[in-house]
């Protein structure tokens, strides 16, 4: 058994990829005071703001550092379906992004709620929405990945939703808190390491 050093200005995480190869049976939609709203051609500023709100606690930063052209090429692509979960006041409190760009497949690219809603059962509602939308007639495989930076129950949640792990990898990247992309207080469950 060996330890692989990670620089003080980097983050390391274990990524688990999971898949479904059969559409799960339809279940009643769990109750929630939320609505799922399609975001075709989302405004990039609003998209980034929601991405930051739902993702900063888990060190999501990839879409925050993309220039407008690169981000628009993804979220405005007809093969990408972006949705916002909104509360009764119409405030965006979650996001769902489905990627259909590979024939016969759908990737659950992003799935998240604002921290205030985590652990209150709304994830089951959002997953029911995701499964209903993802399984189009031409989809034979739905997949997702999660990592050890995500909520500690994320992996178990995906497995309970019917996903089966098929691959594990290790990812390292520059800590986005060090560069100022994310707040220095983001993701306190993953402490920053001081250079010695």
Protein backbone atom coordinates (compact mmCIF):
# COMPACT_ATOMS: atom_id res chain seq x y z
CA UNK A 1 0.00 0.00 0.00
CA UNK A 2 1.45 3.33 -0.96
CA UNK A 3 0.63 6.94 -0.27
CA UNK A 4 0.76 9.40 -3.14
CA UNK A 5 1.79 12.89 -2.07
CA UNK A 6 -0.51 15.78 -2.99
CA UNK A 7 0.91 19.31 -3.06
CA UNK A 8 -0.40 21.77 -0.45
CA UNK A 9 -2.00 23.90 -3.18
CA UNK A 10 -3.84 20.91 -4.70
CA UNK A 11 -6.95 18.91 -3.92
CA UNK A 12 -7.23 15.15 -4.38
CA UNK A 13 -10.46 13.19 -4.60
CA UNK A 14 -11.62 9.68 -5.43
CA UNK A 15 -14.17 9.76 -8.26
CA UNK A 16 -16.72 6.95 -8.59
CA UNK A 17 -18.56 6.57 -11.89
CA UNK A 18 -21.96 4.86 -11.79
CA UNK A 19 -24.45 3.79 -14.41
CA UNK A 20 -27.94 2.43 -15.07
CA UNK A 21 -28.53 0.26 -18.09
CA UNK A 22 -32.27 -0.22 -17.61
CA UNK A 23 -34.94 2.31 -16.98
CA UNK A 24 -36.17 1.95 -13.39
CA UNK A 25 -39.89 1.42 -12.78
CA UNK A 26 -41.87 4.64 -12.55
CA UNK A 27 -42.62 5.70 -8.99
CA UNK A 28 -44.85 8.42 -7.63
CA UNK A 29 -43.13 11.79 -7.60
CA UNK A 30 -42.20 12.74 -4.02
CA UNK A 31 -43.90 15.86 -2.69
CA UNK A 32 -41.85 19.04 -2.75
CA UNK A 33 -42.67 22.76 -2.76
CA UNK A 34 -40.39 23.09 -5.79
CA UNK A 35 -40.84 23.20 -9.56
CA UNK A 36 -38.39 22.13 -12.24
CA UNK A 37 -38.05 24.79 -14.94
CA UNK A 38 -36.29 24.18 -18.27
CA UNK A 39 -33.46 26.63 -18.91
CA UNK A 40 -32.97 26.51 -22.69
CA UNK A 41 -30.06 28.77 -23.67
CA UNK A 42 -29.51 29.86 -20.04
CA UNK A 43 -28.12 33.30 -19.33
CA UNK A 44 -24.46 32.63 -18.50
CA UNK A 45 -24.41 34.98 -15.50
CA UNK A 46 -27.49 33.35 -13.94
CA UNK A 47 -26.11 29.90 -14.74
CA UNK A 48 -22.78 30.65 -13.07
CA UNK A 49 -24.51 32.19 -10.03
CA UNK A 50 -26.61 29.05 -9.49
CA UNK A 51 -23.63 26.78 -10.19
CA UNK A 52 -21.69 28.64 -7.49
CA UNK A 53 -24.59 28.53 -4.99
CA UNK A 54 -25.10 24.78 -5.30
CA UNK A 55 -21.51 23.76 -5.97
CA UNK A 56 -19.22 25.91 -3.82
CA UNK A 57 -19.69 23.72 -0.71
CA UNK A 58 -18.32 20.79 -2.76
CA UNK A 59 -15.54 22.75 -4.53
CA UNK A 60 -17.29 22.82 -7.92
CA UNK A 61 -15.49 25.40 -10.00
CA UNK A 62 -15.06 24.06 -13.55
CA UNK A 63 -17.88 26.10 -15.09
CA UNK A 64 -16.82 29.23 -13.18
CA UNK A 65 -13.42 29.43 -14.88
CA UNK A 66 -14.64 28.84 -18.45
CA UNK A 67 -14.80 31.86 -20.71
CA UNK A 68 -18.22 32.77 -22.09
CA UNK A 69 -17.68 31.14 -25.48
CA UNK A 70 -16.62 27.82 -24.02
CA UNK A 71 -19.42 27.76 -21.44
CA UNK A 72 -22.04 28.77 -24.04
CA UNK A 73 -20.80 26.02 -26.37
CA UNK A 74 -21.78 23.53 -23.66
CA UNK A 75 -24.93 24.89 -22.02
CA UNK A 76 -26.41 26.21 -25.29
CA UNK A 77 -25.71 22.96 -27.16
CA UNK A 78 -28.98 21.29 -28.26
CA UNK A 79 -27.67 18.03 -26.79
CA UNK A 80 -27.58 19.54 -23.29
CA UNK A 81 -30.72 20.02 -21.19
CA UNK A 82 -30.38 22.44 -18.27
CA UNK A 83 -33.09 22.82 -15.60
CA UNK A 84 -33.41 24.98 -12.51
CA UNK A 85 -35.31 23.85 -9.44
CA UNK A 86 -37.22 26.88 -8.19
CA UNK A 87 -39.07 27.51 -4.93
CA UNK A 88 -42.52 29.05 -4.51
CA UNK A 89 -41.08 32.55 -4.89
CA UNK A 90 -39.41 31.58 -8.18
CA UNK A 91 -35.89 31.61 -6.72
CA UNK A 92 -33.46 29.08 -8.21
CA UNK A 93 -32.51 26.59 -5.48
CA UNK A 94 -31.17 23.66 -7.46
CA UNK A 95 -29.89 22.55 -10.82
CA UNK A 96 -30.12 19.55 -13.07
CA UNK A 97 -28.11 19.14 -16.24
CA UNK A 98 -28.48 16.23 -18.65
CA UNK A 99 -26.00 15.57 -21.47
CA UNK A 100 -27.36 13.61 -24.46
CA UNK A 101 -24.44 14.35 -26.81
CA UNK A 102 -23.34 10.69 -27.01
CA UNK A 103 -25.76 8.53 -28.97
CA UNK A 104 -27.77 6.15 -26.78
CA UNK A 105 -26.50 7.70 -23.54
CA UNK A 106 -27.40 10.39 -21.05
CA UNK A 107 -24.95 11.73 -18.51
CA UNK A 108 -26.38 13.26 -15.37
CA UNK A 109 -23.76 16.02 -15.54
CA UNK A 110 -24.88 18.18 -12.63
CA UNK A 111 -27.37 17.44 -9.88
CA UNK A 112 -27.51 19.67 -6.81
CA UNK A 113 -29.55 21.72 -4.40
CA UNK A 114 -28.55 24.76 -2.36
CA UNK A 115 -27.05 23.77 1.02
CA UNK A 116 -30.17 24.92 2.93
CA UNK A 117 -32.22 22.18 1.23
CA UNK A 118 -29.77 19.30 1.55
CA UNK A 119 -30.94 16.52 3.86
CA UNK A 120 -34.62 17.49 3.71
CA UNK A 121 -35.77 14.88 1.16
CA UNK A 122 -35.75 17.20 -1.84
CA UNK A 123 -32.95 15.20 -3.44
CA UNK A 124 -35.38 12.31 -3.95
CA UNK A 125 -37.76 14.71 -5.70
CA UNK A 126 -34.97 16.02 -7.94
CA UNK A 127 -33.78 12.49 -8.73
CA UNK A 128 -37.30 11.40 -9.67
CA UNK A 129 -37.41 14.37 -12.05
CA UNK A 130 -33.97 13.49 -13.45
CA UNK A 131 -34.89 9.85 -14.07
CA UNK A 132 -38.17 10.79 -15.77
CA UNK A 133 -36.38 13.23 -18.09
CA UNK A 134 -33.17 11.27 -18.74
CA UNK A 135 -34.72 8.05 -20.00
CA UNK A 136 -35.80 9.09 -23.47
CA UNK A 137 -36.75 6.28 -25.85
CA UNK A 138 -33.30 6.30 -27.48
CA UNK A 139 -31.35 6.18 -24.18
CA UNK A 140 -29.89 2.80 -23.22
CA UNK A 141 -27.48 4.02 -20.55
CA UNK A 142 -27.66 6.73 -17.89
CA UNK A 143 -24.51 7.53 -15.97
CA UNK A 144 -23.15 9.90 -13.36
CA UNK A 145 -20.03 10.41 -11.33
CA UNK A 146 -19.54 11.58 -7.78
CA UNK A 147 -16.46 12.08 -5.67
CA UNK A 148 -15.26 12.18 -2.10
CA UNK A 149 -15.59 15.98 -2.14
CA UNK A 150 -19.37 15.70 -2.64
CA UNK A 151 -21.88 15.28 0.17
CA UNK A 152 -20.90 12.24 2.28
CA UNK A 153 -24.21 10.55 1.42
CA UNK A 154 -23.98 11.21 -2.35
CA UNK A 155 -22.56 7.83 -3.33
CA UNK A 156 -25.12 5.94 -1.23
CA UNK A 157 -27.90 8.14 -2.63
CA UNK A 158 -26.96 7.33 -6.23
CA UNK A 159 -26.75 3.63 -5.43
CA UNK A 160 -30.15 3.71 -3.68
CA UNK A 161 -31.52 5.45 -6.79
CA UNK A 162 -30.49 2.46 -8.92
CA UNK A 163 -27.03 3.41 -10.18
CA UNK A 164 -24.28 0.76 -10.12
CA UNK A 165 -20.57 1.70 -9.75
CA UNK A 166 -18.40 0.73 -12.72
CA UNK A 167 -15.16 2.71 -12.34
CA UNK A 168 -13.08 4.54 -9.76
CA UNK A 169 -10.34 7.09 -10.45
CA UNK A 170 -8.30 9.63 -8.51
CA UNK A 171 -8.41 13.27 -9.58
CA UNK A 172 -6.11 16.06 -8.45
CA UNK A 173 -6.42 19.74 -9.29
CA UNK A 174 -5.30 23.15 -8.06
CA UNK A 175 -7.30 24.15 -4.98
CA UNK A 176 -9.81 26.77 -6.23
CA UNK A 177 -9.82 28.41 -2.79
CA UNK A 178 -6.13 29.22 -3.04
CA UNK A 179 -6.53 31.02 -6.38
CA UNK A 180 -9.61 32.95 -5.25
CA UNK A 181 -12.03 31.21 -7.63
CA UNK A 182 -13.97 30.04 -4.58
CA UNK A 183 -14.18 31.48 -1.09
CA UNK A 184 -11.37 30.44 1.30
CA UNK A 185 -14.17 29.15 3.57
CA UNK A 186 -15.73 26.87 0.93
CA UNK A 187 -15.84 23.13 1.66
CA UNK A 188 -14.72 23.19 5.31
CA UNK A 189 -15.03 19.39 5.30
CA UNK A 190 -11.91 19.41 3.07
CA UNK A 191 -9.37 21.55 4.93
CA UNK A 192 -6.71 23.54 3.17
CA UNK A 193 -3.14 22.41 3.83
CA UNK A 194 -0.49 24.94 4.70
CA UNK A 195 2.76 24.71 2.75
CA UNK A 196 5.61 23.89 5.09
